[in-house]
C-alpha atoms as a PDB file:
ATOM      1  CA  MET A   1     148.304  62.542  96.624  1.00  0.00           C
ATOM      2  CA  GLN A   2     144.534  62.424  98.165  1.00  0.00           C
ATOM      3  CA  ASP A   3     142.036  62.514  95.161  1.00  0.00           C
ATOM      4  CA  VAL A   4     140.499  66.232  94.996  1.00  0.00           C
ATOM      5  CA  ARG A   5     137.963  64.970  91.690  1.00  0.00           C
ATOM      6  CA  TRP A   6     134.907  63.519  94.332  1.00  0.00           C
ATOM      7  CA  PRO A   7     133.058  66.467  94.741  1.00  0.00           C
ATOM      8  CA  VAL A   8     133.150  66.417  90.997  1.00  0.00           C
ATOM      9  CA  TYR A   9     131.875  62.895  90.734  1.00  0.00           C
ATOM     10  CA  LEU A  10     129.094  63.971  93.567  1.00  0.00           C
ATOM     11  CA  PHE A  11     127.970  67.199  91.401  1.00  0.00           C
ATOM     12  CA  VAL A  12     127.869  65.001  88.851  1.00  0.00           C
ATOM     13  CA  PHE A  13     125.979  62.504  90.300  1.00  0.00           C
ATOM     14  CA  LEU A  14     122.950  64.574  91.848  1.00  0.00           C
ATOM     15  CA  SER A  15     122.647  66.607  88.381  1.00  0.00           C
ATOM     16  CA  VAL A  16     121.338  63.636  87.322  1.00  0.00           C
ATOM     17  CA  LEU A  17     119.626  61.685  90.209  1.00  0.00           C
ATOM     18  CA  VAL A  18     117.916  65.123  91.659  1.00  0.00           C
ATOM     19  CA  PRO A  19     115.637  65.887  88.671  1.00  0.00           C
ATOM     20  CA  TYR A  20     114.701  62.101  87.991  1.00  0.00           C
ATOM     21  CA  VAL A  21     113.853  61.874  91.808  1.00  0.00           C
ATOM     22  CA  LEU A  22     111.366  65.446  91.932  1.00  0.00           C
ATOM     23  CA  ALA A  23     110.014  64.296  88.167  1.00  0.00           C
ATOM     24  CA  ASP A  24     109.176  60.811  89.327  1.00  0.00           C
ATOM     25  CA  LEU A  25     107.749  62.213  92.712  1.00  0.00           C
ATOM     26  CA  ALA A  26     105.510  65.164  91.184  1.00  0.00           C
ATOM     27  CA  LEU A  27     104.300  62.591  88.238  1.00  0.00           C
ATOM     28  CA  ARG A  28     103.749  59.712  91.620  1.00  0.00           C
ATOM     29  CA  LEU A  29     101.116  62.842  93.181  1.00  0.00           C
ATOM     30  CA  PRO A  30      97.754  62.058  93.422  1.00  0.00           C
ATOM     31  CA  SER A  31      96.182  64.976  90.265  1.00  0.00           C
ATOM     32  CA  SER A  32      93.858  65.626  93.419  1.00  0.00           C
ATOM     33  CA  ALA A  33      96.564  67.268  95.035  1.00  0.00           C
ATOM     34  CA  SER A  34      95.283  70.719  94.711  1.00  0.00           C
ATOM     35  CA  ALA A  35      94.505  73.481  97.174  1.00  0.00           C
ATOM     36  CA  PRO A  36      90.892  75.241  97.409  1.00  0.00           C
ATOM     37  CA  GLY A  37      90.741  78.596  95.736  1.00  0.00           C
ATOM     38  CA  ARG A  38      94.494  77.656  94.010  1.00  0.00           C
ATOM     39  CA  LYS A  39      94.468  81.053  91.723  1.00  0.00           C
ATOM     40  CA  SER A  40      93.759  83.364  95.110  1.00  0.00           C
ATOM     41  CA  LEU A  41      97.022  82.043  96.506  1.00  0.00           C
ATOM     42  CA  PRO A  42     101.006  83.660  96.275  1.00  0.00           C
ATOM     43  CA  ARG A  43     102.753  82.448  93.696  1.00  0.00           C
ATOM     44  CA  ALA A  44     105.041  81.035  95.806  1.00  0.00           C
ATOM     45  CA  TYR A  45     102.616  78.332  97.414  1.00  0.00           C
ATOM     46  CA  ARG A  46     101.247  78.241  93.514  1.00  0.00           C
ATOM     47  CA  PHE A  47     104.254  76.776  91.797  1.00  0.00           C
ATOM     48  CA  GLY A  48     105.108  73.211  92.771  1.00  0.00           C
ATOM     49  CA  TRP A  49     101.521  73.100  94.223  1.00  0.00           C
ATOM     50  CA  PRO A  50     102.042  69.049  94.445  1.00  0.00           C
ATOM     51  CA  LEU A  51     105.482  69.348  96.275  1.00  0.00           C
ATOM     52  CA  VAL A  52     104.237  71.534  97.926  1.00  0.00           C
ATOM     53  CA  SER A  53     100.558  69.239  99.220  1.00  0.00           C
ATOM     54  CA  TRP A  54     103.454  66.555  99.813  1.00  0.00           C
ATOM     55  CA  ALA A  55     106.047  68.013 101.653  1.00  0.00           C
ATOM     56  CA  ALA A  56     102.947  69.597 103.936  1.00  0.00           C
ATOM     57  CA  GLU A  57     101.750  65.989 104.348  1.00  0.00           C
ATOM     58  CA  ASN A  58     104.840  64.317 105.525  1.00  0.00           C
ATOM     59  CA  PHE A  59     107.065  67.252 107.108  1.00  0.00           C
ATOM     60  CA  GLY A  60     105.050  70.016 107.612  1.00  0.00           C
ATOM     61  CA  ARG A  61     102.671  68.690 110.346  1.00  0.00           C
ATOM     62  CA  ASP A  62     106.211  67.894 112.125  1.00  0.00           C
ATOM     63  CA  PHE A  63     107.284  71.502 111.581  1.00  0.00           C
ATOM     64  CA  ALA A  64     103.844  72.791 113.293  1.00  0.00           C
ATOM     65  CA  ARG A  65     104.005  70.712 116.228  1.00  0.00           C
ATOM     66  CA  LEU A  66     107.836  71.560 117.237  1.00  0.00           C
ATOM     67  CA  ARG A  67     106.850  75.165 116.692  1.00  0.00           C
ATOM     68  CA  PRO A  68     104.137  75.731 118.398  1.00  0.00           C
ATOM     69  CA  GLU A  69     104.255  79.312 118.804  1.00  0.00           C
ATOM     70  CA  ARG A  70     105.522  80.174 115.345  1.00  0.00           C
ATOM     71  CA  THR A  71     102.698  78.168 114.062  1.00  0.00           C
ATOM     72  CA  GLU A  72      99.868  79.670 115.849  1.00  0.00           C
ATOM     73  CA  ALA A  73     101.354  83.147 114.176  1.00  0.00           C
ATOM     74  CA  ILE A  74     101.090  81.560 110.636  1.00  0.00           C
ATOM     75  CA  ARG A  75      97.652  80.595 111.706  1.00  0.00           C
ATOM     76  CA  ARG A  76      96.418  84.550 113.217  1.00  0.00           C
ATOM     77  CA  GLN A  77      98.283  85.833 109.560  1.00  0.00           C
ATOM     78  CA  LEU A  78      96.199  83.187 107.054  1.00  0.00           C
ATOM     79  CA  LEU A  79      93.364  84.207 108.303  1.00  0.00           C
ATOM     80  CA  LEU A  80      94.004  87.933 107.822  1.00  0.00           C
ATOM     81  CA  ALA A  81      95.631  86.769 104.768  1.00  0.00           C
ATOM     82  CA  ALA A  82      91.280  84.981 104.479  1.00  0.00           C
ATOM     83  CA  LEU A  83      93.732  82.263 102.524  1.00  0.00           C
ATOM     84  CA  PRO A  84      92.265  78.736 102.768  1.00  0.00           C
ATOM     85  CA  LEU A  85      95.621  76.980 103.831  1.00  0.00           C
ATOM     86  CA  GLU A  86      96.304  75.734 107.662  1.00  0.00           C
ATOM     87  CA  PRO A  87     100.270  76.244 108.751  1.00  0.00           C
ATOM     88  CA  PHE A  88     101.543  73.426 107.464  1.00  0.00           C
ATOM     89  CA  HIS A  89     101.345  73.924 104.127  1.00  0.00           C
ATOM     90  CA  VAL A  90     103.492  77.414 104.775  1.00  0.00           C
ATOM     91  CA  TYR A  91     105.943  74.971 106.344  1.00  0.00           C
ATOM     92  CA  GLY A  92     105.482  72.918 103.389  1.00  0.00           C
ATOM     93  CA  ALA A  93     106.283  75.601 100.735  1.00  0.00           C
ATOM     94  CA  GLN A  94     108.956  76.710 102.679  1.00  0.00           C
ATOM     95  CA  ILE A  95     110.288  73.066 102.887  1.00  0.00           C
ATOM     96  CA  VAL A  96     109.677  72.727  98.636  1.00  0.00           C
ATOM     97  CA  LEU A  97     111.501  76.227  98.021  1.00  0.00           C
ATOM     98  CA  LEU A  98     114.770  75.559 100.151  1.00  0.00           C
ATOM     99  CA  ALA A  99     115.752  71.902  98.907  1.00  0.00           C
ATOM    100  CA  GLY A 100     114.840  74.023  95.717  1.00  0.00           C
ATOM    101  CA  GLY A 101     117.302  76.834  95.858  1.00  0.00           C
ATOM    102  CA  ALA A 102     119.577  73.982  97.295  1.00  0.00           C
ATOM    103  CA  VAL A 103     119.545  71.599  93.916  1.00  0.00           C
ATOM    104  CA  LEU A 104     120.094  74.670  92.270  1.00  0.00           C
ATOM    105  CA  SER A 105     123.962  74.662  93.070  1.00  0.00           C
ATOM    106  CA  ILE A 106     123.660  71.817  90.506  1.00  0.00           C
ATOM    107  CA  PRO A 107     123.650  73.664  87.169  1.00  0.00           C
ATOM    108  CA  LEU A 108     125.091  76.426  88.953  1.00  0.00           C
ATOM    109  CA  PHE A 109     128.280  73.966  89.044  1.00  0.00           C
ATOM    110  CA  LEU A 110     128.058  72.556  85.245  1.00  0.00           C
ATOM    111  CA  LEU A 111     128.319  76.505  85.074  1.00  0.00           C
ATOM    112  CA  SER A 112     130.640  77.118  86.736  1.00  0.00           C
ATOM    113  CA  GLY A 113     132.658  74.188  88.133  1.00  0.00           C
ATOM    114  CA  SER A 114     133.917  75.342  91.801  1.00  0.00           C
ATOM    115  CA  PRO A 115     132.389  73.479  94.165  1.00  0.00           C
ATOM    116  CA  LEU A 116     132.997  76.010  97.142  1.00  0.00           C
ATOM    117  CA  LEU A 117     131.167  78.747  94.849  1.00  0.00           C
ATOM    118  CA  SER A 118     127.920  76.559  94.062  1.00  0.00           C
ATOM    119  CA  VAL A 119     127.635  75.283  97.348  1.00  0.00           C
ATOM    120  CA  GLY A 120     127.889  79.041  98.795  1.00  0.00           C
ATOM    121  CA  PHE A 121     125.048  80.362  96.092  1.00  0.00           C
ATOM    122  CA  GLY A 122     123.102  77.534  96.789  1.00  0.00           C
ATOM    123  CA  ALA A 123     122.800  77.605 100.867  1.00  0.00           C
ATOM    124  CA  LEU A 124     122.382  81.383  99.903  1.00  0.00           C
ATOM    125  CA  PHE A 125     119.372  80.234  97.838  1.00  0.00           C
ATOM    126  CA  ALA A 126     118.146  77.291  99.897  1.00  0.00           C
ATOM    127  CA  PHE A 127     118.188  80.692 103.111  1.00  0.00           C
ATOM    128  CA  CYS A 128     116.222  82.828 100.436  1.00  0.00           C
ATOM    129  CA  GLY A 129     113.897  79.772  99.391  1.00  0.00           C
ATOM    130  CA  TRP A 130     113.068  79.372 103.280  1.00  0.00           C
ATOM    131  CA  PHE A 131     111.923  82.701 104.188  1.00  0.00           C
ATOM    132  CA  VAL A 132     109.824  83.139 100.713  1.00  0.00           C
ATOM    133  CA  PRO A 133     106.473  81.633 101.590  1.00  0.00           C
ATOM    134  CA  ALA A 134     106.555  83.472 104.872  1.00  0.00           C
ATOM    135  CA  PHE A 135     107.588  86.682 102.938  1.00  0.00           C
ATOM    136  CA  ALA A 136     104.567  86.460 100.818  1.00  0.00           C
ATOM    137  CA  LEU A 137     101.898  85.822 103.629  1.00  0.00           C
ATOM    138  CA  ASP A 138     102.828  88.546 104.935  1.00  0.00           C
ATOM    139  CA  SER A 139     102.390  90.954 102.312  1.00  0.00           C
ATOM    140  CA  ALA A 140      99.480  88.595 101.047  1.00  0.00           C
ATOM    141  CA  ALA A 141      97.578  89.778 105.030  1.00  0.00           C
ATOM    142  CA  ASP A 142      98.948  93.329 104.850  1.00  0.00           C
ATOM    143  CA  ALA A 143      97.855  94.273 101.121  1.00  0.00           C
ATOM    144  CA  ARG A 144      94.188  92.540 102.198  1.00  0.00           C
ATOM    145  CA  GLN A 145      94.416  94.630 105.442  1.00  0.00           C
ATOM    146  CA  GLU A 146      95.481  97.975 103.663  1.00  0.00           C
ATOM    147  CA  ARG A 147      91.890  96.772 100.654  1.00  0.00           C
ATOM    148  CA  ILE A 148      89.520  96.871 103.250  1.00  0.00           C
ATOM    149  CA  VAL A 149      90.742  99.845 105.084  1.00  0.00           C
ATOM    150  CA  LYS A 150      90.330 101.890 101.736  1.00  0.00           C
ATOM    151  CA  ASP A 151      86.989 100.124 101.011  1.00  0.00           C
ATOM    152  CA  LEU A 152      85.408 101.127 104.222  1.00  0.00           C
ATOM    153  CA  PRO A 153      84.316 104.119 104.303  1.00  0.00           C
ATOM    154  CA  PHE A 154      82.193 103.890 100.847  1.00  0.00           C
ATOM    155  CA  ALA A 155      81.076 101.060 102.376  1.00  0.00           C
ATOM    156  CA  ILE A 156      79.632 103.345 105.394  1.00  0.00           C
ATOM    157  CA  ASP A 157      78.173 105.901 103.293  1.00  0.00           C
ATOM    158  CA  LEU A 158      76.297 103.308 101.466  1.00  0.00           C
ATOM    159  CA  VAL A 159      75.113 101.176 104.516  1.00  0.00           C
ATOM    160  CA  GLY A 160      74.005 104.272 105.755  1.00  0.00           C
ATOM    161  CA  THR A 161      72.349 105.286 102.396  1.00  0.00           C
ATOM    162  CA  ALA A 162      70.278 102.396 102.547  1.00  0.00           C
ATOM    163  CA  MET A 163      69.342 102.714 106.033  1.00  0.00           C
ATOM    164  CA  HIS A 164      68.305 106.084 106.094  1.00  0.00           C
ATOM    165  CA  ALA A 165      65.916 104.946 103.097  1.00  0.00           C
ATOM    166  CA  GLY A 166      64.268 102.685 105.627  1.00  0.00           C
ATOM    167  CA  LEU A 167      66.337  99.556 105.880  1.00  0.00           C
ATOM    168  CA  ASP A 168      67.677  97.643 108.880  1.00  0.00           C
ATOM    169  CA  PHE A 169      71.114  97.279 109.527  1.00  0.00           C
ATOM    170  CA  ASN A 170      71.078  93.699 108.361  1.00  0.00           C
ATOM    171  CA  ALA A 171      69.134  94.395 105.179  1.00  0.00           C
ATOM    172  CA  ALA A 172      71.697  97.555 104.244  1.00  0.00           C
ATOM    173  CA  ILE A 173      74.851  95.468 104.671  1.00  0.00           C
ATOM    174  CA  ARG A 174      72.340  92.451 102.433  1.00  0.00           C
ATOM    175  CA  TYR A 175      72.120  95.352 100.092  1.00  0.00           C
ATOM    176  CA  TYR A 176      75.935  96.175  99.379  1.00  0.00           C
ATOM    177  CA  VAL A 177      76.820  92.297  99.220  1.00  0.00           C
ATOM    178  CA  SER A 178      74.380  92.397  96.413  1.00  0.00           C
ATOM    179  CA  LEU A 179      75.730  94.851  94.035  1.00  0.00           C
ATOM    180  CA  GLY A 180      78.731  92.714  94.044  1.00  0.00           C
ATOM    181  CA  PHE A 181      81.724  94.172  94.473  1.00  0.00           C
ATOM    182  CA  PRO A 182      84.922  92.426  93.737  1.00  0.00           C
ATOM    183  CA  ASN A 183      86.807  93.107  97.241  1.00  0.00           C
ATOM    184  CA  ALA A 184      87.543  91.381 100.362  1.00  0.00           C
ATOM    185  CA  LEU A 185      85.521  93.653 102.347  1.00  0.00           C
ATOM    186  CA  THR A 186      82.029  92.282 100.501  1.00  0.00           C
ATOM    187  CA  SER A 187      83.637  88.468 101.414  1.00  0.00           C
ATOM    188  CA  GLU A 188      83.516  89.461 104.823  1.00  0.00           C
ATOM    189  CA  PHE A 189      80.510  90.588 105.141  1.00  0.00           C
ATOM    190  CA  ALA A 190      79.010  88.402 103.150  1.00  0.00           C
ATOM    191  CA  GLN A 191      80.438  85.839 106.027  1.00  0.00           C
ATOM    192  CA  MET A 192      78.868  88.375 109.039  1.00  0.00           C
ATOM    193  CA  LEU A 193      75.452  87.833 106.970  1.00  0.00           C
ATOM    194  CA  ARG A 194      75.648  83.951 107.097  1.00  0.00           C
ATOM    195  CA  GLU A 195      76.511  84.028 110.849  1.00  0.00           C
ATOM    196  CA  THR A 196      73.624  86.053 111.903  1.00  0.00           C
ATOM    197  CA  GLU A 197      71.233  84.098 109.496  1.00  0.00           C
ATOM    198  CA  LEU A 198      72.797  81.455 111.655  1.00  0.00           C
ATOM    199  CA  GLY A 199      71.413  82.765 115.274  1.00  0.00           C
ATOM    200  CA  MET A 200      74.517  84.750 115.986  1.00  0.00           C
ATOM    201  CA  GLY A 201      73.622  88.326 117.085  1.00  0.00           C
ATOM    202  CA  ARG A 202      74.350  91.684 115.071  1.00  0.00           C
ATOM    203  CA  VAL A 203      77.172  92.906 117.212  1.00  0.00           C
ATOM    204  CA  GLU A 204      78.743  89.246 118.018  1.00  0.00           C
ATOM    205  CA  ALA A 205      78.849  88.402 114.310  1.00  0.00           C
ATOM    206  CA  LEU A 206      80.773  91.905 113.478  1.00  0.00           C
ATOM    207  CA  SER A 207      83.262  91.512 116.490  1.00  0.00           C
ATOM    208  CA  ALA A 208      83.480  88.110 114.707  1.00  0.00           C
ATOM    209  CA  MET A 209      84.454  90.355 111.585  1.00  0.00           C
ATOM    210  CA  ALA A 210      86.672  92.395 113.057  1.00  0.00           C
ATOM    211  CA  ASP A 211      88.803  89.499 114.926  1.00  0.00           C
ATOM    212  CA  ARG A 212      89.555  88.621 111.448  1.00  0.00           C
ATOM    213  CA  ILE A 213      90.312  91.577 109.867  1.00  0.00           C
ATOM    214  CA  GLN A 214      92.180  93.190 112.917  1.00  0.00           C
ATOM    215  CA  SER A 215      92.261  97.012 111.559  1.00  0.00           C
ATOM    216  CA  PRO A 216      91.807  99.562 113.955  1.00  0.00           C
ATOM    217  CA  PRO A 217      89.987 101.629 111.859  1.00  0.00           C
ATOM    218  CA  PHE A 218      86.958  98.722 111.971  1.00  0.00           C
ATOM    219  CA  THR A 219      87.701  97.180 114.933  1.00  0.00           C
ATOM    220  CA  SER A 220      86.590 101.334 116.062  1.00  0.00           C
ATOM    221  CA  PHE A 221      83.864 101.034 113.798  1.00  0.00           C
ATOM    222  CA  VAL A 222      82.557  97.889 115.697  1.00  0.00           C
ATOM    223  CA  ASP A 223      83.402  99.453 118.890  1.00  0.00           C
ATOM    224  CA  ALA A 224      81.021 102.019 117.959  1.00  0.00           C
ATOM    225  CA  ILE A 225      78.460 100.341 116.642  1.00  0.00           C
ATOM    226  CA  ALA A 226      78.050  98.249 119.844  1.00  0.00           C
ATOM    227  CA  HIS A 227      78.062 101.532 121.498  1.00  0.00           C
ATOM    228  CA  GLY A 228      75.144 102.731 119.686  1.00  0.00           C
ATOM    229  CA  SER A 229      73.613 100.028 120.031  1.00  0.00           C
ATOM    230  CA  GLU A 230      73.763  99.506 123.771  1.00  0.00           C
ATOM    231  CA  VAL A 231      72.907 103.315 124.601  1.00  0.00           C
ATOM    232  CA  GLY A 232      69.939 103.457 121.874  1.00  0.00           C
ATOM    233  CA  ALA A 233      72.020 106.207 119.687  1.00  0.00           C
ATOM    234  CA  SER A 234      70.872 106.775 115.977  1.00  0.00           C
ATOM    235  CA  ILE A 235      73.448 104.042 114.363  1.00  0.00           C
ATOM    236  CA  VAL A 236      73.110 105.848 110.962  1.00  0.00           C
ATOM    237  CA  GLY A 237      75.041 109.150 112.988  1.00  0.00           C
ATOM    238  CA  THR A 238      77.448 106.786 114.739  1.00  0.00           C
ATOM    239  CA  MET A 239      78.152 105.023 111.001  1.00  0.00           C
ATOM    240  CA  LYS A 240      78.447 109.071 109.660  1.00  0.00           C
ATOM    241  CA  MET A 241      80.677 109.730 112.164  1.00  0.00           C
ATOM    242  CA  GLN A 242      83.122 106.560 111.533  1.00  0.00           C
ATOM    243  CA  GLY A 243      83.026 107.567 107.405  1.00  0.00           C
ATOM    244  CA  GLU A 244      84.059 110.548 107.911  1.00  0.00           C
ATOM    245  CA  ASP A 245      86.794 109.667 110.788  1.00  0.00           C
ATOM    246  CA  MET A 246      87.743 106.684 108.678  1.00  0.00           C
ATOM    247  CA  ARG A 247      88.608 109.400 105.666  1.00  0.00           C
ATOM    248  CA  ARG A 248      90.808 111.424 107.979  1.00  0.00           C
ATOM    249  CA  ALA A 249      92.336 108.656 108.699  1.00  0.00           C
ATOM    250  CA  ARG A 250      93.090 107.549 105.226  1.00  0.00           C
ATOM    251  CA  PHE A 251      94.006 110.884 104.139  1.00  0.00           C
ATOM    252  CA  ASN A 252      96.774 111.295 107.468  1.00  0.00           C
ATOM    253  CA  ILE A 253      97.688 107.705 105.931  1.00  0.00           C
ATOM    254  CA  ALA A 254      98.507 109.207 102.572  1.00  0.00           C
ATOM    255  CA  GLU A 255     100.150 112.322 104.199  1.00  0.00           C
ATOM    256  CA  ARG A 256     102.534 110.044 105.833  1.00  0.00           C
ATOM    257  CA  LYS A 257     103.384 107.961 102.986  1.00  0.00           C
ATOM    258  CA  ALA A 258     104.184 111.138 100.908  1.00  0.00           C
ATOM    259  CA  GLN A 259     106.461 112.286 103.965  1.00  0.00           C
ATOM    260  CA  ARG A 260     107.937 109.126 103.750  1.00  0.00           C
ATOM    261  CA  ALA A 261     108.659 109.047 100.707  1.00  0.00           C
ATOM    262  CA  PRO A 262     112.325 111.411  99.924  1.00  0.00           C
ATOM    263  CA  SER A 263     114.001 109.503 102.403  1.00  0.00           C
ATOM    264  CA  ILE A 264     113.129 106.152 100.302  1.00  0.00           C
ATOM    265  CA  MET A 265     113.476 107.714  97.203  1.00  0.00           C
ATOM    266  CA  ILE A 266     117.773 108.147  98.613  1.00  0.00           C
ATOM    267  CA  PHE A 267     118.775 104.513  97.975  1.00  0.00           C
ATOM    268  CA  PRO A 268     117.735 104.056  93.854  1.00  0.00           C
ATOM    269  CA  MET A 269     118.988 107.525  93.536  1.00  0.00           C
ATOM    270  CA  ALA A 270     122.216 106.287  94.919  1.00  0.00           C
ATOM    271  CA  LEU A 271     122.285 103.234  93.688  1.00  0.00           C
ATOM    272  CA  PHE A 272     121.544 104.017  90.266  1.00  0.00           C
ATOM    273  CA  ILE A 273     120.713 107.560  89.093  1.00  0.00           C
ATOM    274  CA  VAL A 274     123.958 109.559  90.691  1.00  0.00           C
ATOM    275  CA  PRO A 275     126.620 106.761  89.557  1.00  0.00           C
ATOM    276  CA  ALA A 276     124.856 107.366  85.417  1.00  0.00           C
ATOM    277  CA  VAL A 277     125.326 111.679  86.871  1.00  0.00           C
ATOM    278  CA  PHE A 278     129.123 110.782  87.114  1.00  0.00           C
ATOM    279  CA  ILE A 279     129.945 108.374  84.117  1.00  0.00           C
ATOM    280  CA  VAL A 280     127.339 111.238  81.558  1.00  0.00           C
ATOM    281  CA  ILE A 281     130.049 114.216  83.117  1.00  0.00           C
ATOM    282  CA  GLY A 282     133.055 112.405  83.912  1.00  0.00           C
ATOM    283  CA  VAL A 283     133.844 109.714  80.884  1.00  0.00           C
ATOM    284  CA  PRO A 284     134.253 112.727  78.413  1.00  0.00           C
ATOM    285  CA  VAL A 285     136.402 115.016  80.715  1.00  0.00           C
ATOM    286  CA  PHE A 286     138.730 112.089  80.744  1.00  0.00           C
ATOM    287  CA  MET A 287     138.658 111.528  77.603  1.00  0.00           C
ATOM    288  CA  ARG A 288     139.374 114.795  76.754  1.00  0.00           C
ATOM    289  CA  LEU A 289     142.001 114.175  79.628  1.00  0.00           C
ATOM    290  CA  GLY A 290     143.387 111.622  77.626  1.00  0.00           C
ATOM    291  CA  ALA A 291     143.817 112.869  74.535  1.00  0.00           C
ATOM    292  CA  THR A 292     145.673 116.237  75.923  1.00  0.00           C
ATOM    293  CA  GLY A 293     147.659 113.584  77.365  1.00  0.00           C
ATOM    294  CA  VAL A 294     147.067 115.081  80.810  1.00  0.00           C
ATOM    295  CA  LEU A 295     146.406 111.944  82.031  1.00  0.00           C
ATOM    296  CA  GLY A 296     149.917 109.935  81.429  1.00  0.00           C
ATOM    297  CA  ARG A 297     151.733 112.358  82.587  1.00  0.00           C
END
């Protein structure tokens, strides 16, 4: 008869070997293997960063060379999210979480005793782990763009007021940056000022900032500033109109989100609230019917 106990022996062996190898690898990694600005990274990258760095250096660079189109898309998302990472770091995080999801099959086997069930859930966890870093990167990029669009009308009004008081455009931007608002827009304006100090023109620096942000409202603002500079129009008046347009756009976005709310609430209501209502209403009815003997007939 064929011996069917070999999966058991294999899982027991891996349950001892894999944690030992991971612990040994984590201890052997240099303590300097940390990301710049690590606290600003999503949790999918902060968790186990030494392992992520090791996987990125040993495997992530190869993935980046094999998938140039995907690598370029990741590079754009990193630029949008303003994360101090390279695309091979994203691949490294995907490899680590994929391996971590697969390793979870070992404790599942020790708890359930079923190799098939453990392999199935391990494959599911590995599949989810591969996509978690990309999802975290997209979420960070979208959240940063949303924060910039939210802060932009106030920044435009403040810069316009400073210019109306007698400051030029760069001095007004520097005044806004000096106020120290802890947001992404302030850091982008600070980088724009550094570029202008290095010799880049105002419109070119704003265009580079628009390329980094890739937000339609800010791109239209830069286009309006560039057009006003070319025709000699008042920048203060242009900024005032742009601020009003952005507030109107924010109001329209809020209205669209409010209109989508009922359709979004349907799923949690059908999954959680409706069954609870049926249970609250139906259980006393069934208990009463059972007590009267109607259900037993």
